[in-house]
N, C-alpha and C. Protein backbone atom coordinates (compact mmCIF):
# COMPACT_ATOMS: atom_id res chain seq x y z
N VAL A 1 8.59 -7.45 -11.27
CA VAL A 1 7.86 -7.12 -10.00
C VAL A 1 6.62 -6.38 -10.30
N SER A 2 6.70 -5.42 -11.25
CA SER A 2 5.45 -4.72 -11.55
C SER A 2 4.40 -5.70 -12.00
N ALA A 3 4.79 -6.56 -12.84
CA ALA A 3 3.51 -7.58 -13.21
C ALA A 3 2.90 -8.27 -12.13
N VAL A 4 3.81 -8.57 -11.20
CA VAL A 4 3.32 -9.47 -9.93
C VAL A 4 2.54 -8.37 -9.31
N ALA A 5 2.67 -7.31 -9.10
CA ALA A 5 1.81 -6.38 -8.48
C ALA A 5 0.45 -6.11 -9.03
N THR A 6 0.51 -6.19 -10.40
CA THR A 6 -0.53 -5.87 -11.22
C THR A 6 -1.50 -7.03 -11.33
N VAL A 7 -1.19 -8.22 -11.77
CA VAL A 7 -1.81 -9.34 -12.03
C VAL A 7 -1.88 -10.30 -10.84
N GLY A 8 -0.94 -10.41 -10.04
CA GLY A 8 -1.12 -11.34 -9.05
C GLY A 8 -0.39 -12.57 -9.52
N VAL A 9 -0.33 -13.40 -8.66
CA VAL A 9 0.37 -14.92 -8.91
C VAL A 9 -0.33 -16.04 -8.70
N ASP A 10 -0.60 -16.94 -9.48
CA ASP A 10 -1.15 -18.24 -8.92
C ASP A 10 -0.33 -19.02 -8.00
N LEU A 11 -0.76 -19.23 -6.87
CA LEU A 11 0.20 -20.08 -5.84
C LEU A 11 0.34 -21.39 -6.32
N ASN A 12 -0.63 -22.25 -7.17
CA ASN A 12 -0.52 -23.59 -7.45
C ASN A 12 0.30 -23.82 -8.76
N ALA A 13 0.57 -22.71 -9.54
CA ALA A 13 1.40 -22.82 -10.70
C ALA A 13 2.51 -22.25 -11.04
N CYS A 14 2.89 -20.93 -10.16
CA CYS A 14 4.13 -20.34 -10.39
C CYS A 14 5.43 -20.79 -9.93
N SER A 15 6.36 -20.35 -10.45
CA SER A 15 7.67 -20.87 -10.22
C SER A 15 8.19 -20.24 -8.73
N LEU A 16 9.29 -20.87 -8.13
CA LEU A 16 10.09 -20.26 -7.19
C LEU A 16 10.35 -18.75 -7.27
N GLU A 17 10.89 -18.57 -8.56
CA GLU A 17 11.31 -17.01 -8.91
C GLU A 17 10.30 -15.93 -8.71
N ILE A 18 9.27 -16.37 -9.18
CA ILE A 18 8.08 -15.51 -9.07
C ILE A 18 7.42 -15.40 -7.90
N LEU A 19 7.38 -16.71 -6.98
CA LEU A 19 6.96 -16.40 -5.57
C LEU A 19 7.96 -15.51 -4.91
N GLU A 20 9.00 -15.26 -5.10
CA GLU A 20 10.03 -14.57 -4.54
C GLU A 20 9.71 -13.06 -4.66
N LYS A 21 9.26 -12.72 -5.77
CA LYS A 21 8.93 -11.28 -6.04
C LYS A 21 7.76 -10.94 -5.31
N ILE A 22 6.85 -11.58 -4.60
CA ILE A 22 5.72 -11.35 -3.82
C ILE A 22 6.16 -10.44 -2.30
N PRO A 23 5.77 -9.41 -1.97
CA PRO A 23 6.21 -8.90 -0.93
C PRO A 23 5.97 -9.72 0.18
N GLY A 24 6.90 -10.06 1.21
CA GLY A 24 6.94 -10.65 2.31
C GLY A 24 7.19 -12.30 2.15
N LEU A 25 7.32 -12.78 0.81
CA LEU A 25 7.42 -14.19 0.57
C LEU A 25 8.68 -14.56 0.12
N ALA A 26 9.81 -13.72 -0.11
CA ALA A 26 11.11 -13.93 -0.47
C ALA A 26 11.80 -15.03 -0.07
N LYS A 27 11.55 -15.20 1.24
CA LYS A 27 12.32 -16.35 1.90
C LYS A 27 11.43 -17.64 2.10
N LEU A 28 10.00 -17.34 1.84
CA LEU A 28 9.27 -18.50 2.28
C LEU A 28 8.83 -19.31 0.98
N GLY A 29 9.55 -18.97 -0.33
CA GLY A 29 9.09 -19.55 -1.40
C GLY A 29 8.89 -21.06 -1.42
N PRO A 30 10.16 -21.70 -0.89
CA PRO A 30 10.32 -23.17 -1.00
C PRO A 30 9.06 -23.85 -0.12
N LYS A 31 8.92 -23.20 0.86
CA LYS A 31 7.90 -23.74 1.86
C LYS A 31 6.63 -23.63 1.24
N LEU A 32 6.25 -22.65 0.36
CA LEU A 32 4.95 -22.47 -0.26
C LEU A 32 4.81 -23.44 -1.26
N ILE A 33 6.01 -23.99 -1.94
CA ILE A 33 5.60 -24.70 -3.15
C ILE A 33 5.63 -26.12 -2.56
N LYS A 34 6.29 -26.41 -1.49
CA LYS A 34 6.16 -27.74 -0.90
C LYS A 34 4.77 -27.79 -0.32
N ALA A 35 3.82 -26.93 0.00
CA ALA A 35 2.64 -27.14 0.65
C ALA A 35 1.40 -27.10 -0.52
N ARG A 36 1.82 -27.24 -1.74
CA ARG A 36 0.82 -27.16 -2.65
C ARG A 36 0.19 -28.62 -2.66
N PRO A 37 -0.93 -28.72 -3.13
CA PRO A 37 -1.99 -27.60 -3.91
C PRO A 37 -2.59 -26.77 -2.63
N TRP A 38 -2.67 -25.60 -3.09
CA TRP A 38 -3.31 -24.68 -2.14
C TRP A 38 -4.97 -24.63 -2.59
N LYS A 39 -5.58 -24.65 -1.44
CA LYS A 39 -7.12 -24.78 -1.28
C LYS A 39 -7.95 -23.36 -1.24
N GLN A 40 -7.03 -22.74 -0.31
CA GLN A 40 -7.55 -21.17 -0.04
C GLN A 40 -6.59 -20.34 0.47
N ARG A 41 -6.58 -19.05 0.23
CA ARG A 41 -5.67 -18.34 0.53
C ARG A 41 -5.32 -18.12 2.09
N ALA A 42 -6.39 -18.43 3.04
CA ALA A 42 -6.29 -18.39 4.42
C ALA A 42 -5.25 -19.49 5.14
N ASP A 43 -5.08 -20.59 4.11
CA ASP A 43 -4.01 -21.49 4.34
C ASP A 43 -2.68 -21.05 4.47
N LEU A 44 -2.49 -20.02 3.86
CA LEU A 44 -0.95 -19.19 4.05
C LEU A 44 -0.58 -19.07 5.53
N LEU A 45 -1.68 -19.00 6.55
CA LEU A 45 -1.41 -18.69 7.81
C LEU A 45 -0.67 -19.90 8.42
N LYS A 46 -0.83 -21.06 7.84
CA LYS A 46 -0.48 -22.19 8.59
C LYS A 46 1.25 -22.26 8.21
N ILE A 47 1.64 -21.51 7.36
CA ILE A 47 3.22 -21.74 6.98
C ILE A 47 3.86 -21.01 8.05
N PRO A 48 5.01 -21.89 8.63
CA PRO A 48 5.84 -21.15 9.90
C PRO A 48 6.61 -20.12 9.29
N GLY A 49 6.62 -19.10 10.01
CA GLY A 49 7.23 -17.83 9.40
C GLY A 49 6.45 -16.86 8.89
N LEU A 50 5.14 -17.15 8.65
CA LEU A 50 4.24 -16.38 7.93
C LEU A 50 3.10 -15.96 8.72
N GLY A 51 3.35 -14.68 9.42
CA GLY A 51 1.97 -14.44 10.23
C GLY A 51 0.97 -13.41 9.81
N PRO A 52 0.09 -12.91 10.64
CA PRO A 52 -0.90 -12.28 10.11
C PRO A 52 -0.35 -10.78 9.37
N ASP A 53 0.77 -10.34 9.84
CA ASP A 53 1.11 -9.07 9.16
C ASP A 53 1.49 -9.17 7.84
N THR A 54 2.45 -10.40 7.78
CA THR A 54 3.12 -10.83 6.31
C THR A 54 1.88 -11.21 5.39
N PHE A 55 0.92 -11.73 6.07
CA PHE A 55 -0.44 -12.23 5.41
C PHE A 55 -1.09 -11.05 4.69
N GLN A 56 -1.28 -10.05 5.39
CA GLN A 56 -1.93 -8.86 4.91
C GLN A 56 -1.10 -8.24 3.67
N ASN A 57 0.16 -8.31 3.96
CA ASN A 57 1.07 -7.69 2.77
C ASN A 57 1.14 -8.30 1.63
N CYS A 58 0.78 -9.64 1.62
CA CYS A 58 0.96 -10.76 0.38
C CYS A 58 -0.29 -11.08 0.02
N ALA A 59 -1.27 -11.11 0.76
CA ALA A 59 -2.53 -11.72 0.26
C ALA A 59 -3.26 -11.14 -1.20
N ALA A 60 -3.08 -9.88 -1.28
CA ALA A 60 -3.59 -9.43 -2.48
C ALA A 60 -2.97 -9.87 -3.99
N PHE A 61 -1.66 -10.27 -3.73
CA PHE A 61 -0.90 -10.78 -4.75
C PHE A 61 -0.93 -12.28 -5.07
N CYS A 62 -1.52 -12.78 -4.07
CA CYS A 62 -1.67 -14.37 -4.25
C CYS A 62 -3.26 -14.61 -4.75
N ARG A 63 -3.21 -15.62 -5.81
CA ARG A 63 -4.18 -16.02 -6.36
C ARG A 63 -4.32 -17.60 -6.33
N ILE A 64 -5.59 -17.91 -6.04
CA ILE A 64 -5.89 -19.37 -6.02
C ILE A 64 -7.14 -19.65 -6.85
N HIS A 65 -6.85 -20.19 -8.02
CA HIS A 65 -8.02 -20.43 -8.92
C HIS A 65 -8.64 -21.93 -8.81
N GLU A 66 -9.86 -21.98 -8.81
CA GLU A 66 -10.55 -23.12 -8.45
C GLU A 66 -10.48 -23.64 -7.27
N GLY A 67 -10.25 -22.48 -6.23
CA GLY A 67 -10.33 -23.09 -4.83
C GLY A 67 -11.35 -23.23 -4.05
N MET A 68 -11.51 -23.32 -2.79
CA MET A 68 -12.76 -23.21 -1.84
C MET A 68 -13.61 -22.07 -1.94
N GLU A 69 -12.68 -20.85 -1.99
CA GLU A 69 -13.17 -19.43 -1.81
C GLU A 69 -13.02 -18.73 -3.24
N PRO A 70 -14.27 -18.42 -3.89
CA PRO A 70 -14.05 -17.72 -5.36
C PRO A 70 -13.43 -16.34 -5.21
N LEU A 71 -13.35 -15.82 -4.05
CA LEU A 71 -12.52 -14.52 -4.10
C LEU A 71 -11.14 -14.65 -3.91
N ASP A 72 -10.59 -15.67 -3.69
CA ASP A 72 -9.21 -16.06 -3.66
C ASP A 72 -8.54 -15.86 -4.99
N ALA A 73 -9.42 -16.10 -5.88
CA ALA A 73 -8.87 -15.66 -7.53
C ALA A 73 -8.91 -14.25 -7.80
N THR A 74 -9.19 -13.11 -6.76
CA THR A 74 -9.09 -11.95 -7.04
C THR A 74 -8.36 -11.36 -5.97
N ILE A 75 -8.06 -9.90 -6.18
CA ILE A 75 -7.50 -9.14 -5.29
C ILE A 75 -8.07 -8.89 -4.07
N VAL A 76 -9.31 -9.21 -3.80
CA VAL A 76 -9.99 -9.05 -2.70
C VAL A 76 -9.55 -10.05 -1.43
N HIS A 77 -9.12 -9.74 -0.41
CA HIS A 77 -8.84 -10.54 0.73
C HIS A 77 -9.25 -9.94 2.05
């Protein structure tokens, strides 16, 4: 859990077990994996059950490398 909080998680590469460690995403992991590949962090808001509050809680831990938005590979959201 502390490693997830420190370095974040690549949404396109991580396992379900790692996704479940991200705050707010414990029960949404299977939906996130099914929606791969991710192009930008803002697409998380399209997942049923993931609203704006959850997005704010989890976005800093989620990384999307080589996506449409370069800042999506950082903690900036």
